[in-house]
C-alpha atoms as a PDB file:
ATOM      1  CA  MET A   1      17.759   6.022  16.930  1.00  0.00           C
ATOM      2  CA  ILE A   2      16.977   2.915  18.896  1.00  0.00           C
ATOM      3  CA  ARG A   3      19.877   0.459  18.663  1.00  0.00           C
ATOM      4  CA  CYS A   4      19.101  -2.753  16.743  1.00  0.00           C
ATOM      5  CA  ARG A   5      19.996  -6.250  17.879  1.00  0.00           C
ATOM      6  CA  MET A   6      18.440  -8.565  15.334  1.00  0.00           C
ATOM      7  CA  LEU A   7      18.389 -12.318  14.704  1.00  0.00           C
ATOM      8  CA  PHE A   8      17.109 -13.232  11.224  1.00  0.00           C
ATOM      9  CA  LEU A   9      16.406 -16.331   9.187  1.00  0.00           C
ATOM     10  CA  ALA A  10      19.615 -17.253   7.412  1.00  0.00           C
ATOM     11  CA  ALA A  11      18.252 -16.616   3.931  1.00  0.00           C
ATOM     12  CA  ALA A  12      16.306 -13.447   4.736  1.00  0.00           C
ATOM     13  CA  VAL A  13      17.223 -10.035   3.460  1.00  0.00           C
ATOM     14  CA  ALA A  14      16.482  -7.515   6.242  1.00  0.00           C
ATOM     15  CA  VAL A  15      15.977  -3.787   5.929  1.00  0.00           C
ATOM     16  CA  LEU A  16      17.153  -2.340   9.225  1.00  0.00           C
ATOM     17  CA  ALA A  17      16.865   1.460   9.118  1.00  0.00           C
ATOM     18  CA  GLY A  18      15.126   2.663  12.263  1.00  0.00           C
ATOM     19  CA  CYS A  19      14.240  -0.872  13.355  1.00  0.00           C
ATOM     20  CA  ALA A  20      12.710  -2.304  16.500  1.00  0.00           C
ATOM     21  CA  SER A  21      14.777  -2.559  19.629  1.00  0.00           C
ATOM     22  CA  SER A  22      15.473  -6.312  19.542  1.00  0.00           C
ATOM     23  CA  VAL A  23      14.490  -9.754  18.360  1.00  0.00           C
ATOM     24  CA  THR A  24      15.107 -12.464  20.927  1.00  0.00           C
ATOM     25  CA  THR A  25      14.289 -16.126  21.269  1.00  0.00           C
ATOM     26  CA  SER A  26      11.470 -16.900  23.670  1.00  0.00           C
ATOM     27  CA  THR A  27      10.822 -20.073  25.638  1.00  0.00           C
ATOM     28  CA  ALA A  28       7.637 -21.084  27.345  1.00  0.00           C
ATOM     29  CA  GLY A  29       9.253 -21.148  30.758  1.00  0.00           C
ATOM     30  CA  ALA A  30      11.169 -17.907  30.477  1.00  0.00           C
ATOM     31  CA  GLN A  31       8.705 -15.710  28.623  1.00  0.00           C
ATOM     32  CA  GLN A  32       5.786 -15.321  30.984  1.00  0.00           C
ATOM     33  CA  PRO A  33       4.131 -11.889  30.631  1.00  0.00           C
ATOM     34  CA  LYS A  34       5.190  -9.443  33.314  1.00  0.00           C
ATOM     35  CA  PRO A  35       2.843  -7.527  35.597  1.00  0.00           C
ATOM     36  CA  PRO A  36       2.127  -4.002  34.333  1.00  0.00           C
ATOM     37  CA  GLY A  37       4.458  -2.385  36.829  1.00  0.00           C
ATOM     38  CA  GLN A  38       7.426  -4.382  35.524  1.00  0.00           C
ATOM     39  CA  ILE A  39       7.006  -3.465  31.852  1.00  0.00           C
ATOM     40  CA  ALA A  40       9.110  -0.569  30.629  1.00  0.00           C
ATOM     41  CA  ALA A  41       7.052   2.473  29.700  1.00  0.00           C
ATOM     42  CA  GLY A  42       6.329   2.597  25.999  1.00  0.00           C
ATOM     43  CA  LYS A  43       7.425  -0.990  25.301  1.00  0.00           C
ATOM     44  CA  ALA A  44       5.443  -3.664  23.512  1.00  0.00           C
ATOM     45  CA  GLU A  45       6.306  -7.288  22.743  1.00  0.00           C
ATOM     46  CA  VAL A  46       5.264  -9.267  19.665  1.00  0.00           C
ATOM     47  CA  LEU A  47       5.859 -13.026  19.809  1.00  0.00           C
ATOM     48  CA  TRP A  48       5.332 -14.902  16.532  1.00  0.00           C
ATOM     49  CA  LEU A  49       4.589 -18.624  16.780  1.00  0.00           C
ATOM     50  CA  GLY A  50       4.281 -19.680  13.140  1.00  0.00           C
ATOM     51  CA  GLN A  51       1.653 -19.151  10.411  1.00  0.00           C
ATOM     52  CA  ALA A  52      -0.482 -16.278  11.760  1.00  0.00           C
ATOM     53  CA  ALA A  53      -0.290 -17.180  15.474  1.00  0.00           C
ATOM     54  CA  THR A  54       0.850 -14.126  17.425  1.00  0.00           C
ATOM     55  CA  ARG A  55       0.979 -13.070  21.065  1.00  0.00           C
ATOM     56  CA  ILE A  56       1.097  -9.345  21.794  1.00  0.00           C
ATOM     57  CA  THR A  57       1.969  -8.113  25.269  1.00  0.00           C
ATOM     58  CA  THR A  58       0.996  -4.457  25.513  1.00  0.00           C
ATOM     59  CA  PRO A  59       2.865  -1.735  27.435  1.00  0.00           C
ATOM     60  CA  GLY A  60       0.171  -1.987  30.104  1.00  0.00           C
ATOM     61  CA  GLY A  61       0.592  -5.750  30.474  1.00  0.00           C
ATOM     62  CA  LYS A  62      -2.480  -6.951  28.570  1.00  0.00           C
ATOM     63  CA  VAL A  63      -1.946 -10.146  26.580  1.00  0.00           C
ATOM     64  CA  ILE A  64      -3.722 -10.447  23.234  1.00  0.00           C
ATOM     65  CA  VAL A  65      -3.405 -13.665  21.231  1.00  0.00           C
ATOM     66  CA  ILE A  66      -4.306 -13.705  17.532  1.00  0.00           C
ATOM     67  CA  ASP A  67      -5.109 -16.782  15.396  1.00  0.00           C
ATOM     68  CA  PRO A  68      -3.749 -19.329  17.902  1.00  0.00           C
ATOM     69  CA  TRP A  69      -3.143 -22.404  15.751  1.00  0.00           C
ATOM     70  CA  LEU A  70      -0.518 -23.990  17.978  1.00  0.00           C
ATOM     71  CA  THR A  71      -0.924 -27.631  18.985  1.00  0.00           C
ATOM     72  CA  THR A  72      -0.839 -29.011  15.416  1.00  0.00           C
ATOM     73  CA  ASN A  73       1.108 -26.190  13.775  1.00  0.00           C
ATOM     74  CA  PRO A  74       4.351 -27.661  12.385  1.00  0.00           C
ATOM     75  CA  LYS A  75       6.133 -24.322  12.799  1.00  0.00           C
ATOM     76  CA  THR A  76       5.169 -23.704  16.426  1.00  0.00           C
ATOM     77  CA  PRO A  77       8.080 -24.462  18.782  1.00  0.00           C
ATOM     78  CA  ALA A  78       7.523 -27.517  20.963  1.00  0.00           C
ATOM     79  CA  ASP A  79       7.524 -25.395  24.128  1.00  0.00           C
ATOM     80  CA  PHE A  80       4.364 -23.586  22.983  1.00  0.00           C
ATOM     81  CA  LYS A  81       2.348 -26.599  21.846  1.00  0.00           C
ATOM     82  CA  GLN A  82       1.051 -26.792  25.410  1.00  0.00           C
ATOM     83  CA  LEU A  83      -1.479 -23.954  25.608  1.00  0.00           C
ATOM     84  CA  ALA A  84      -0.662 -23.205  29.238  1.00  0.00           C
ATOM     85  CA  ALA A  85       2.841 -22.243  28.111  1.00  0.00           C
ATOM     86  CA  LEU A  86       1.461 -18.980  26.716  1.00  0.00           C
ATOM     87  CA  GLY A  87       0.935 -17.761  30.254  1.00  0.00           C
ATOM     88  CA  LYS A  88      -2.070 -15.624  31.069  1.00  0.00           C
ATOM     89  CA  VAL A  89      -4.197 -14.555  28.131  1.00  0.00           C
ATOM     90  CA  ASP A  90      -6.618 -11.640  28.423  1.00  0.00           C
ATOM     91  CA  LEU A  91      -8.225 -11.621  24.986  1.00  0.00           C
ATOM     92  CA  ILE A  92      -8.218 -13.672  21.778  1.00  0.00           C
ATOM     93  CA  LEU A  93      -8.728 -12.347  18.245  1.00  0.00           C
ATOM     94  CA  VAL A  94      -9.540 -14.636  15.315  1.00  0.00           C
ATOM     95  CA  THR A  95      -9.327 -13.261  11.784  1.00  0.00           C
ATOM     96  CA  HIS A  96     -11.382 -16.049  10.137  1.00  0.00           C
ATOM     97  CA  ALA A  97     -12.585 -19.591  10.704  1.00  0.00           C
ATOM     98  CA  HIS A  98     -10.100 -21.702   8.747  1.00  0.00           C
ATOM     99  CA  GLY A  99      -8.452 -24.306  10.932  1.00  0.00           C
ATOM    100  CA  ASP A 100      -4.985 -22.776  10.699  1.00  0.00           C
ATOM    101  CA  HIS A 101      -6.356 -19.549  12.240  1.00  0.00           C
ATOM    102  CA  LEU A 102      -9.269 -20.492  14.509  1.00  0.00           C
ATOM    103  CA  GLY A 103      -7.084 -23.398  15.604  1.00  0.00           C
ATOM    104  CA  ASP A 104      -6.921 -23.697  19.390  1.00  0.00           C
ATOM    105  CA  ALA A 105      -8.894 -20.527  20.123  1.00  0.00           C
ATOM    106  CA  PRO A 106     -11.875 -22.256  21.790  1.00  0.00           C
ATOM    107  CA  ALA A 107      -9.636 -24.347  24.057  1.00  0.00           C
ATOM    108  CA  LEU A 108      -7.438 -21.353  24.886  1.00  0.00           C
ATOM    109  CA  ALA A 109     -10.493 -19.231  25.686  1.00  0.00           C
ATOM    110  CA  LYS A 110     -11.849 -21.818  28.113  1.00  0.00           C
ATOM    111  CA  LEU A 111      -8.440 -22.386  29.693  1.00  0.00           C
ATOM    112  CA  ASN A 112      -8.034 -18.669  30.482  1.00  0.00           C
ATOM    113  CA  ASN A 113     -11.683 -17.606  30.704  1.00  0.00           C
ATOM    114  CA  ALA A 114     -10.666 -15.137  27.987  1.00  0.00           C
ATOM    115  CA  PRO A 115     -13.190 -13.881  25.420  1.00  0.00           C
ATOM    116  CA  ILE A 116     -12.783 -14.532  21.699  1.00  0.00           C
ATOM    117  CA  TYR A 117     -13.522 -11.413  19.677  1.00  0.00           C
ATOM    118  CA  THR A 118     -14.472 -11.933  16.037  1.00  0.00           C
ATOM    119  CA  GLY A 119     -14.976  -9.030  13.677  1.00  0.00           C
ATOM    120  CA  GLY A 120     -16.699 -10.771  10.794  1.00  0.00           C
ATOM    121  CA  GLY A 121     -19.701 -12.674  12.144  1.00  0.00           C
ATOM    122  CA  MET A 122     -18.078 -15.926  13.290  1.00  0.00           C
ATOM    123  CA  GLY A 123     -19.026 -15.613  16.945  1.00  0.00           C
ATOM    124  CA  GLN A 124     -22.601 -16.865  16.773  1.00  0.00           C
ATOM    125  CA  THR A 125     -21.501 -19.970  14.863  1.00  0.00           C
ATOM    126  CA  LEU A 126     -18.971 -20.807  17.595  1.00  0.00           C
ATOM    127  CA  VAL A 127     -21.737 -20.580  20.191  1.00  0.00           C
ATOM    128  CA  SER A 128     -24.352 -22.445  18.115  1.00  0.00           C
ATOM    129  CA  LEU A 129     -21.995 -25.374  17.595  1.00  0.00           C
ATOM    130  CA  GLY A 130     -21.150 -25.488  21.304  1.00  0.00           C
ATOM    131  CA  MET A 131     -17.480 -24.665  20.710  1.00  0.00           C
ATOM    132  CA  VAL A 132     -17.513 -21.890  23.334  1.00  0.00           C
ATOM    133  CA  PRO A 133     -20.105 -20.586  25.803  1.00  0.00           C
ATOM    134  CA  ALA A 134     -21.891 -17.386  24.867  1.00  0.00           C
ATOM    135  CA  ALA A 135     -19.996 -15.419  27.519  1.00  0.00           C
ATOM    136  CA  LEU A 136     -16.692 -16.104  25.740  1.00  0.00           C
ATOM    137  CA  SER A 137     -17.844 -15.064  22.255  1.00  0.00           C
ATOM    138  CA  GLN A 138     -17.865 -11.338  21.546  1.00  0.00           C
ATOM    139  CA  ARG A 139     -18.760  -9.779  18.200  1.00  0.00           C
ATOM    140  CA  PHE A 140     -18.139  -6.535  16.377  1.00  0.00           C
ATOM    141  CA  GLY A 141     -17.940  -5.543  12.719  1.00  0.00           C
ATOM    142  CA  LYS A 142     -15.667  -4.075  10.083  1.00  0.00           C
ATOM    143  CA  SER A 143     -14.801  -0.453  10.909  1.00  0.00           C
ATOM    144  CA  GLY A 144     -16.051  -1.067  14.425  1.00  0.00           C
ATOM    145  CA  THR A 145     -13.629  -0.082  17.190  1.00  0.00           C
ATOM    146  CA  ILE A 146     -13.725  -1.624  20.645  1.00  0.00           C
ATOM    147  CA  ALA A 147     -11.931  -0.792  23.889  1.00  0.00           C
ATOM    148  CA  PRO A 148     -12.296  -4.129  25.712  1.00  0.00           C
ATOM    149  CA  PHE A 149     -10.168  -3.084  28.709  1.00  0.00           C
ATOM    150  CA  GLY A 150     -11.771   0.300  29.198  1.00  0.00           C
ATOM    151  CA  ALA A 151     -10.568   3.859  28.780  1.00  0.00           C
ATOM    152  CA  GLY A 152      -6.818   4.115  28.372  1.00  0.00           C
ATOM    153  CA  GLY A 153      -6.454   0.488  27.291  1.00  0.00           C
ATOM    154  CA  PRO A 154      -5.760  -0.906  23.833  1.00  0.00           C
ATOM    155  CA  LYS A 155      -8.270  -0.190  21.068  1.00  0.00           C
ATOM    156  CA  ILE A 156      -9.047  -2.753  18.371  1.00  0.00           C
ATOM    157  CA  THR A 157     -10.618  -2.076  14.975  1.00  0.00           C
ATOM    158  CA  ALA A 158     -11.772  -4.736  12.526  1.00  0.00           C
ATOM    159  CA  VAL A 159     -10.866  -4.005   8.905  1.00  0.00           C
ATOM    160  CA  ARG A 160     -11.362  -5.681   5.561  1.00  0.00           C
ATOM    161  CA  ALA A 161      -9.479  -8.781   4.413  1.00  0.00           C
ATOM    162  CA  GLU A 162      -9.863 -10.393   0.985  1.00  0.00           C
ATOM    163  CA  HIS A 163     -10.293 -14.101   1.704  1.00  0.00           C
ATOM    164  CA  SER A 164     -12.980 -16.607   2.840  1.00  0.00           C
ATOM    165  CA  SER A 165     -14.104 -17.966   6.213  1.00  0.00           C
ATOM    166  CA  GLU A 166     -15.862 -21.335   6.230  1.00  0.00           C
ATOM    167  CA  LEU A 167     -15.728 -23.353   9.447  1.00  0.00           C
ATOM    168  CA  VAL A 168     -15.188 -27.126   9.222  1.00  0.00           C
ATOM    169  CA  TRP A 169     -16.511 -28.836  12.369  1.00  0.00           C
ATOM    170  CA  LYS A 170     -16.590 -32.521  13.246  1.00  0.00           C
ATOM    171  CA  ASN A 171     -20.056 -33.365  14.506  1.00  0.00           C
ATOM    172  CA  PRO A 172     -19.578 -35.584  17.580  1.00  0.00           C
ATOM    173  CA  ALA A 173     -22.932 -37.267  16.985  1.00  0.00           C
ATOM    174  CA  THR A 174     -22.031 -38.464  13.466  1.00  0.00           C
ATOM    175  CA  ASP A 175     -18.232 -38.290  13.578  1.00  0.00           C
ATOM    176  CA  LYS A 176     -18.424 -36.517  10.200  1.00  0.00           C
ATOM    177  CA  ASP A 177     -17.053 -33.163   9.135  1.00  0.00           C
ATOM    178  CA  GLU A 178     -19.577 -30.405   8.483  1.00  0.00           C
ATOM    179  CA  THR A 179     -18.964 -27.029   6.852  1.00  0.00           C
ATOM    180  CA  HIS A 180     -20.674 -24.039   8.476  1.00  0.00           C
ATOM    181  CA  TYR A 181     -21.072 -20.354   7.712  1.00  0.00           C
ATOM    182  CA  ALA A 182     -18.543 -18.353   9.702  1.00  0.00           C
ATOM    183  CA  GLY A 183     -18.963 -14.756   8.626  1.00  0.00           C
ATOM    184  CA  GLU A 184     -16.312 -12.878   6.710  1.00  0.00           C
ATOM    185  CA  PRO A 185     -12.537 -12.616   7.098  1.00  0.00           C
ATOM    186  CA  VAL A 186     -11.077  -9.544   8.750  1.00  0.00           C
ATOM    187  CA  GLY A 187      -7.808  -8.026   9.819  1.00  0.00           C
ATOM    188  CA  TYR A 188      -7.272  -6.103  13.046  1.00  0.00           C
ATOM    189  CA  ILE A 189      -5.746  -2.715  13.816  1.00  0.00           C
ATOM    190  CA  ILE A 190      -4.565  -2.839  17.432  1.00  0.00           C
ATOM    191  CA  GLU A 191      -3.681   0.514  18.956  1.00  0.00           C
ATOM    192  CA  LEU A 192      -1.664   0.025  22.129  1.00  0.00           C
ATOM    193  CA  GLU A 193      -1.713   2.219  25.223  1.00  0.00           C
ATOM    194  CA  ASN A 194       1.281   4.234  23.972  1.00  0.00           C
ATOM    195  CA  GLY A 195      -0.250   4.858  20.540  1.00  0.00           C
ATOM    196  CA  PHE A 196       1.809   2.208  18.669  1.00  0.00           C
ATOM    197  CA  LYS A 197      -0.443   0.585  16.038  1.00  0.00           C
ATOM    198  CA  ILE A 198      -0.223  -2.985  14.759  1.00  0.00           C
ATOM    199  CA  TRP A 199      -2.157  -4.258  11.729  1.00  0.00           C
ATOM    200  CA  HIS A 200      -2.476  -8.038  11.842  1.00  0.00           C
ATOM    201  CA  MET A 201      -3.741  -8.725   8.335  1.00  0.00           C
ATOM    202  CA  GLY A 202      -4.764 -12.366   8.832  1.00  0.00           C
ATOM    203  CA  ASP A 203      -5.159 -13.980   5.411  1.00  0.00           C
ATOM    204  CA  THR A 204      -5.734 -11.574   2.553  1.00  0.00           C
ATOM    205  CA  GLY A 205      -5.163 -10.953  -1.095  1.00  0.00           C
ATOM    206  CA  LEU A 206      -4.127  -7.583  -2.437  1.00  0.00           C
ATOM    207  CA  PHE A 207      -6.927  -5.010  -2.666  1.00  0.00           C
ATOM    208  CA  GLY A 208      -6.998  -1.274  -3.354  1.00  0.00           C
ATOM    209  CA  ASP A 209      -8.535  -0.228  -0.043  1.00  0.00           C
ATOM    210  CA  MET A 210      -5.358  -1.239   1.755  1.00  0.00           C
ATOM    211  CA  GLU A 211      -4.260   2.281   0.903  1.00  0.00           C
ATOM    212  CA  LEU A 212      -7.384   3.725   2.557  1.00  0.00           C
ATOM    213  CA  VAL A 213      -6.839   1.601   5.682  1.00  0.00           C
ATOM    214  CA  GLY A 214      -3.208   2.721   5.785  1.00  0.00           C
ATOM    215  CA  GLU A 215      -4.146   6.385   5.478  1.00  0.00           C
ATOM    216  CA  ARG A 216      -6.955   6.125   8.024  1.00  0.00           C
ATOM    217  CA  TYR A 217      -5.140   4.192  10.773  1.00  0.00           C
ATOM    218  CA  LYS A 218      -1.439   4.743   9.978  1.00  0.00           C
ATOM    219  CA  PRO A 219      -0.142   1.427  11.379  1.00  0.00           C
ATOM    220  CA  ASP A 220       3.439   1.380  12.636  1.00  0.00           C
ATOM    221  CA  LEU A 221       3.768  -2.395  12.156  1.00  0.00           C
ATOM    222  CA  VAL A 222       2.044  -4.790   9.755  1.00  0.00           C
ATOM    223  CA  LEU A 223       2.050  -8.564  10.116  1.00  0.00           C
ATOM    224  CA  ILE A 224       1.546  -9.489   6.482  1.00  0.00           C
ATOM    225  CA  PRO A 225       1.000 -12.842   4.741  1.00  0.00           C
ATOM    226  CA  ILE A 226       3.527 -13.585   1.990  1.00  0.00           C
ATOM    227  CA  GLY A 227       3.160 -17.319   1.282  1.00  0.00           C
ATOM    228  CA  GLY A 228       0.992 -17.077  -1.835  1.00  0.00           C
ATOM    229  CA  HIS A 229      -1.586 -19.613  -3.114  1.00  0.00           C
ATOM    230  CA  PHE A 230      -4.225 -18.681  -0.498  1.00  0.00           C
ATOM    231  CA  THR A 231      -2.955 -15.141   0.206  1.00  0.00           C
ATOM    232  CA  MET A 232      -0.646 -12.516  -1.216  1.00  0.00           C
ATOM    233  CA  GLY A 233       2.714 -13.737  -2.368  1.00  0.00           C
ATOM    234  CA  PRO A 234       5.924 -11.763  -1.860  1.00  0.00           C
ATOM    235  CA  GLN A 235       5.406  -9.454  -4.843  1.00  0.00           C
ATOM    236  CA  ASP A 236       1.848  -8.454  -3.951  1.00  0.00           C
ATOM    237  CA  ALA A 237       2.812  -8.070  -0.285  1.00  0.00           C
ATOM    238  CA  ALA A 238       5.609  -5.729  -1.362  1.00  0.00           C
ATOM    239  CA  ILE A 239       3.162  -3.608  -3.352  1.00  0.00           C
ATOM    240  CA  ALA A 240       0.868  -3.417  -0.331  1.00  0.00           C
ATOM    241  CA  VAL A 241       3.671  -2.338   2.007  1.00  0.00           C
ATOM    242  CA  ARG A 242       5.681  -0.054  -0.286  1.00  0.00           C
ATOM    243  CA  ASP A 243       2.928   1.628  -2.292  1.00  0.00           C
ATOM    244  CA  MET A 244      -0.192   1.506  -0.121  1.00  0.00           C
ATOM    245  CA  ILE A 245       0.372   1.113   3.620  1.00  0.00           C
ATOM    246  CA  LYS A 246       3.919   2.478   4.139  1.00  0.00           C
ATOM    247  CA  PRO A 247       4.394   1.296   7.731  1.00  0.00           C
ATOM    248  CA  ARG A 248       7.597   1.692   9.735  1.00  0.00           C
ATOM    249  CA  TYR A 249       7.960  -2.072  10.174  1.00  0.00           C
ATOM    250  CA  ALA A 250       6.713  -5.263   8.524  1.00  0.00           C
ATOM    251  CA  ILE A 251       6.871  -8.830   9.806  1.00  0.00           C
ATOM    252  CA  PRO A 252       6.114 -11.478   7.146  1.00  0.00           C
ATOM    253  CA  ILE A 253       3.800 -14.292   8.271  1.00  0.00           C
ATOM    254  CA  HIS A 254       1.887 -17.242   6.757  1.00  0.00           C
ATOM    255  CA  TYR A 255       4.684 -18.740   4.687  1.00  0.00           C
ATOM    256  CA  GLN A 256       6.325 -22.171   4.228  1.00  0.00           C
ATOM    257  CA  THR A 257       4.029 -23.899   6.716  1.00  0.00           C
ATOM    258  CA  THR A 258       2.560 -26.104   3.970  1.00  0.00           C
ATOM    259  CA  PRO A 259       3.975 -26.899   0.515  1.00  0.00           C
ATOM    260  CA  GLN A 260       1.647 -24.409  -1.197  1.00  0.00           C
ATOM    261  CA  LEU A 261       2.962 -21.447   0.817  1.00  0.00           C
ATOM    262  CA  ARG A 262       6.175 -21.016  -1.148  1.00  0.00           C
ATOM    263  CA  GLY A 263       6.871 -17.313  -0.621  1.00  0.00           C
ATOM    264  CA  THR A 264       9.923 -16.382   1.449  1.00  0.00           C
ATOM    265  CA  PRO A 265      11.018 -13.316   3.418  1.00  0.00           C
ATOM    266  CA  ALA A 266      14.021 -12.975   1.087  1.00  0.00           C
ATOM    267  CA  GLU A 267      11.676 -12.722  -1.918  1.00  0.00           C
ATOM    268  CA  PHE A 268       9.515 -10.224  -0.066  1.00  0.00           C
ATOM    269  CA  SER A 269      12.481  -8.019   0.833  1.00  0.00           C
ATOM    270  CA  ALA A 270      13.838  -8.219  -2.724  1.00  0.00           C
ATOM    271  CA  ALA A 271      10.452  -7.239  -4.175  1.00  0.00           C
ATOM    272  CA  LEU A 272      10.161  -4.402  -1.682  1.00  0.00           C
ATOM    273  CA  GLY A 273      13.423  -2.904  -2.915  1.00  0.00           C
ATOM    274  CA  ALA A 274      16.225  -1.025  -1.238  1.00  0.00           C
ATOM    275  CA  SER A 275      14.439   2.314  -1.489  1.00  0.00           C
ATOM    276  CA  ALA A 276      11.479   1.249   0.663  1.00  0.00           C
ATOM    277  CA  ARG A 277      11.053   3.097   3.947  1.00  0.00           C
ATOM    278  CA  THR A 278       9.803   0.012   5.791  1.00  0.00           C
ATOM    279  CA  SER A 279      12.097  -2.093   7.967  1.00  0.00           C
ATOM    280  CA  VAL A 280      11.499  -5.815   7.423  1.00  0.00           C
ATOM    281  CA  LEU A 281      11.869  -7.838  10.617  1.00  0.00           C
ATOM    282  CA  VAL A 282      12.095 -11.622  10.237  1.00  0.00           C
ATOM    283  CA  PRO A 283      11.809 -13.480  13.540  1.00  0.00           C
ATOM    284  CA  GLU A 284      11.723 -17.242  13.563  1.00  0.00           C
ATOM    285  CA  PRO A 285       8.765 -18.907  15.271  1.00  0.00           C
ATOM    286  CA  GLY A 286       9.304 -18.555  19.000  1.00  0.00           C
ATOM    287  CA  GLN A 287      11.245 -15.296  18.719  1.00  0.00           C
ATOM    288  CA  LYS A 288       9.851 -12.054  20.060  1.00  0.00           C
ATOM    289  CA  VAL A 289      10.260  -8.509  18.776  1.00  0.00           C
ATOM    290  CA  ASP A 290      10.279  -5.644  21.275  1.00  0.00           C
ATOM    291  CA  PHE A 291       9.133  -2.176  20.235  1.00  0.00           C
END
């Protein structure tokens, strides 16, 4: 069994059986992604930056950033509020168009010349509004699987999420906010080069087909919203993990960023119960988990 060295939120209740190799604090200066040759075989790194913002460094050295709401995110560590602090970014995934998920994706895409992939129909709206050039907006659909880095690289599948996806955009000509169609919300199954699978669920409520997605893709790790109000709360998230998906690991996200998001990791772990087979990992924003 891989030895565990975990740092948790003080109030969290962690389930540690068979857990990831380590959780460590990251800083912008010290945590630049390594070239592929310097990454240990079979290792992956997940850096959580508050709300749903996540950076995944794959075993082959590809850097995938999901829902990068960073510069105005109250939970993002100060070191990472400068987008350049993320280091090189190869690809950006956005689960839906709400500001706390789309966030800084257009600016990050242009900074790194990295494409934004959207699985629910948001891409054309980003281009039509002039938020990104067409070359940086790539589309696919639910149940569609892409291999953006070619054979042998990570594979990404868009899957259902139960939420909404309107895009609020300030028109520079009128200085007024406008609301635009932005497709449908999605989650992403990311299969890394070594076969390890991560389900970033974005924002979602509980729905029965989570069991189908779990059976079809068998994710090892889920990043699951627990805050409530706009998404699942701790009790529904526990049902999803324990009874439907049954992953090896779960990292709770999308909680306590705003007053409405009251759910806590401790409540999630308590609802999950001691008999659950899933290890709950609770990094603080700015901490990374190595697998």
